C-alpha atoms as a PDB file:
ATOM      1  CA  MET A   1     137.658  99.385 108.607  1.00  0.00           C
ATOM      2  CA  GLU A   2     140.514  97.110 107.117  1.00  0.00           C
ATOM      3  CA  ILE A   3     139.464  94.294 104.935  1.00  0.00           C
ATOM      4  CA  ASN A   4     141.924  91.554 105.241  1.00  0.00           C
ATOM      5  CA  GLY A   5     142.092  87.951 104.084  1.00  0.00           C
ATOM      6  CA  GLU A   6     140.110  86.453 107.214  1.00  0.00           C
ATOM      7  CA  PHE A   7     137.265  88.901 106.382  1.00  0.00           C
ATOM      8  CA  VAL A   8     137.244  88.077 102.754  1.00  0.00           C
ATOM      9  CA  ASP A   9     137.195  84.249 103.762  1.00  0.00           C
ATOM     10  CA  LYS A  10     134.349  84.626 106.228  1.00  0.00           C
ATOM     11  CA  PHE A  11     132.223  87.021 104.254  1.00  0.00           C
ATOM     12  CA  TRP A  12     129.878  85.010 102.172  1.00  0.00           C
ATOM     13  CA  GLU A  13     129.629  82.531 105.238  1.00  0.00           C
ATOM     14  CA  LEU A  14     127.974  85.329 107.188  1.00  0.00           C
ATOM     15  CA  PHE A  15     125.545  86.436 104.064  1.00  0.00           C
ATOM     16  CA  GLY A  16     124.956  83.649 102.175  1.00  0.00           C
ATOM     17  CA  ASP A  17     124.987  83.830  98.466  1.00  0.00           C
ATOM     18  CA  ARG A  18     122.752  86.916  98.398  1.00  0.00           C
ATOM     19  CA  ILE A  19     123.013  90.413  99.396  1.00  0.00           C
ATOM     20  CA  ASP A  20     120.455  92.930  97.843  1.00  0.00           C
ATOM     21  CA  TYR A  21     122.538  96.107  98.893  1.00  0.00           C
ATOM     22  CA  LEU A  22     126.252  96.184  99.625  1.00  0.00           C
ATOM     23  CA  LYS A  23     127.947  99.331 100.734  1.00  0.00           C
ATOM     24  CA  PHE A  24     131.702  99.923 101.744  1.00  0.00           C
ATOM     25  CA  ASP A  25     132.455 103.259 102.977  1.00  0.00           C
ATOM     26  CA  ARG A  26     135.859 104.307 103.936  1.00  0.00           C
ATOM     27  CA  CYS A  27     137.325 100.723 103.639  1.00  0.00           C
ATOM     28  CA  SER A  28     141.033 100.057 103.089  1.00  0.00           C
ATOM     29  CA  LEU A  29     142.049  96.755 102.048  1.00  0.00           C
ATOM     30  CA  ALA A  30     145.015  94.786 103.625  1.00  0.00           C
ATOM     31  CA  GLN A  31     148.036  94.246 101.460  1.00  0.00           C
ATOM     32  CA  GLY A  32     147.074  91.872  98.512  1.00  0.00           C
ATOM     33  CA  GLU A  33     143.487  91.918  99.263  1.00  0.00           C
ATOM     34  CA  THR A  34     141.097  93.529  96.500  1.00  0.00           C
ATOM     35  CA  PHE A  35     137.383  94.077  96.194  1.00  0.00           C
ATOM     36  CA  HIS A  36     137.040  91.742  93.291  1.00  0.00           C
ATOM     37  CA  ASP A  37     138.515  88.758  95.658  1.00  0.00           C
ATOM     38  CA  LEU A  38     135.852  89.646  97.920  1.00  0.00           C
ATOM     39  CA  LEU A  39     132.928  89.208  95.304  1.00  0.00           C
ATOM     40  CA  TYR A  40     134.371  86.413  93.508  1.00  0.00           C
ATOM     41  CA  GLY A  41     132.175  83.491  93.045  1.00  0.00           C
ATOM     42  CA  GLU A  42     128.619  82.564  92.425  1.00  0.00           C
ATOM     43  CA  TYR A  43     127.062  85.343  94.475  1.00  0.00           C
ATOM     44  CA  VAL A  44     123.984  87.948  93.562  1.00  0.00           C
ATOM     45  CA  VAL A  45     124.241  91.581  94.677  1.00  0.00           C
ATOM     46  CA  LYS A  46     121.635  93.816  93.138  1.00  0.00           C
ATOM     47  CA  TYR A  47     123.207  97.081  94.629  1.00  0.00           C
ATOM     48  CA  LEU A  48     126.758  97.817  95.126  1.00  0.00           C
ATOM     49  CA  GLU A  49     128.552 101.096  96.374  1.00  0.00           C
ATOM     50  CA  ILE A  50     132.271 101.361  97.130  1.00  0.00           C
ATOM     51  CA  ASN A  51     132.810 104.842  98.471  1.00  0.00           C
ATOM     52  CA  ASN A  52     136.195 106.618  99.670  1.00  0.00           C
ATOM     53  CA  SER A  53     137.924 103.358  99.560  1.00  0.00           C
ATOM     54  CA  THR A  54     141.265 102.187  98.155  1.00  0.00           C
ATOM     55  CA  LEU A  55     139.774 100.885  94.854  1.00  0.00           C
ATOM     56  CA  THR A  56     141.816 101.250  91.789  1.00  0.00           C
ATOM     57  CA  ASP A  57     140.736 101.256  88.461  1.00  0.00           C
ATOM     58  CA  ASP A  58     141.780  97.549  87.602  1.00  0.00           C
ATOM     59  CA  ASP A  59     139.878  96.468  90.781  1.00  0.00           C
ATOM     60  CA  ALA A  60     136.963  98.480  89.928  1.00  0.00           C
ATOM     61  CA  ILE A  61     136.803  96.899  86.230  1.00  0.00           C
ATOM     62  CA  GLU A  62     137.571  93.285  87.853  1.00  0.00           C
ATOM     63  CA  THR A  63     134.723  93.722  90.632  1.00  0.00           C
ATOM     64  CA  PHE A  64     132.299  94.709  87.996  1.00  0.00           C
ATOM     65  CA  ARG A  65     132.861  91.628  86.114  1.00  0.00           C
ATOM     66  CA  ASN A  66     132.668  89.395  89.145  1.00  0.00           C
ATOM     67  CA  LEU A  67     128.770  90.504  89.630  1.00  0.00           C
ATOM     68  CA  TYR A  68     126.039  88.480  88.399  1.00  0.00           C
ATOM     69  CA  PRO A  69     124.789  90.765  85.227  1.00  0.00           C
ATOM     70  CA  TRP A  70     121.283  89.614  85.253  1.00  0.00           C
ATOM     71  CA  LEU A  71     120.039  90.705  88.374  1.00  0.00           C
ATOM     72  CA  LEU A  72     122.402  93.712  88.663  1.00  0.00           C
ATOM     73  CA  LYS A  73     120.621  97.287  89.260  1.00  0.00           C
ATOM     74  CA  SER A  74     123.260  99.734  90.156  1.00  0.00           C
ATOM     75  CA  VAL A  75     127.097  99.870  90.709  1.00  0.00           C
ATOM     76  CA  THR A  76     128.543 103.403  92.215  1.00  0.00           C
ATOM     77  CA  PHE A  77     131.963 104.105  92.959  1.00  0.00           C
ATOM     78  CA  SER A  78     132.322 107.492  94.377  1.00  0.00           C
ATOM     79  CA  GLY A  79     135.050 109.589  96.417  1.00  0.00           C
ATOM     80  CA  MET A  80     138.026 107.764  94.584  1.00  0.00           C
ATOM     81  CA  LYS A  81     140.249 109.074  91.735  1.00  0.00           C
ATOM     82  CA  LEU A  82     139.293 106.793  89.138  1.00  0.00           C
ATOM     83  CA  ASN A  83     139.564 107.040  85.538  1.00  0.00           C
ATOM     84  CA  ALA A  84     135.708 106.592  84.793  1.00  0.00           C
ATOM     85  CA  GLU A  85     136.321 106.834  80.956  1.00  0.00           C
ATOM     86  CA  LYS A  86     138.518 103.841  81.001  1.00  0.00           C
ATOM     87  CA  ILE A  87     136.434 101.861  83.418  1.00  0.00           C
ATOM     88  CA  ASN A  88     133.227 102.430  81.401  1.00  0.00           C
ATOM     89  CA  SER A  89     135.201 101.671  78.084  1.00  0.00           C
ATOM     90  CA  VAL A  90     136.604  98.460  79.319  1.00  0.00           C
ATOM     91  CA  ILE A  91     133.426  97.260  80.725  1.00  0.00           C
ATOM     92  CA  ARG A  92     131.312  98.282  78.007  1.00  0.00           C
ATOM     93  CA  ASN A  93     133.645  96.340  75.446  1.00  0.00           C
ATOM     94  CA  SER A  94     133.307  93.306  77.858  1.00  0.00           C
ATOM     95  CA  CYS A  95     129.665  93.511  78.605  1.00  0.00           C
ATOM     96  CA  ALA A  96     127.836  94.198  75.313  1.00  0.00           C
ATOM     97  CA  LEU A  97     124.341  93.995  76.718  1.00  0.00           C
ATOM     98  CA  LEU A  98     125.088  96.223  79.773  1.00  0.00           C
ATOM     99  CA  PRO A  99     121.958  98.490  80.340  1.00  0.00           C
ATOM    100  CA  ASP A 100     122.614 102.396  80.493  1.00  0.00           C
ATOM    101  CA  GLY A 101     122.678 103.801  84.222  1.00  0.00           C
ATOM    102  CA  ILE A 102     123.996 100.571  85.925  1.00  0.00           C
ATOM    103  CA  LEU A 103     127.699 101.895  86.370  1.00  0.00           C
ATOM    104  CA  ASN A 104     127.785 105.302  88.131  1.00  0.00           C
ATOM    105  CA  PHE A 105     130.673 107.502  89.506  1.00  0.00           C
ATOM    106  CA  GLY A 106     130.212 110.068  92.199  1.00  0.00           C
ATOM    107  CA  ILE A 107     132.676 112.972  93.030  1.00  0.00           C
END
């Protein structure tokens, strides 16, 4: 599935401001679109998975920063060539109270 501007614009109209479990599997992004654009705003996602998609290190970091931290239970990025050490380091430096085990990387 390709995520384009129209999808991003309509996404939260369809789902409201809260989704407990959100999973993107094998999604590609249209030119200029990012996962963090999709999750930008005052939205609550408890569990987020992005698998086998066109996610970059910078987009992973910004996507995580856009999530509401107090209700977040798990974020999993898997099946992509991400620099887990870099992403963990940047996120840990910007989120001092991040509990262990929230951010996960799969193969």
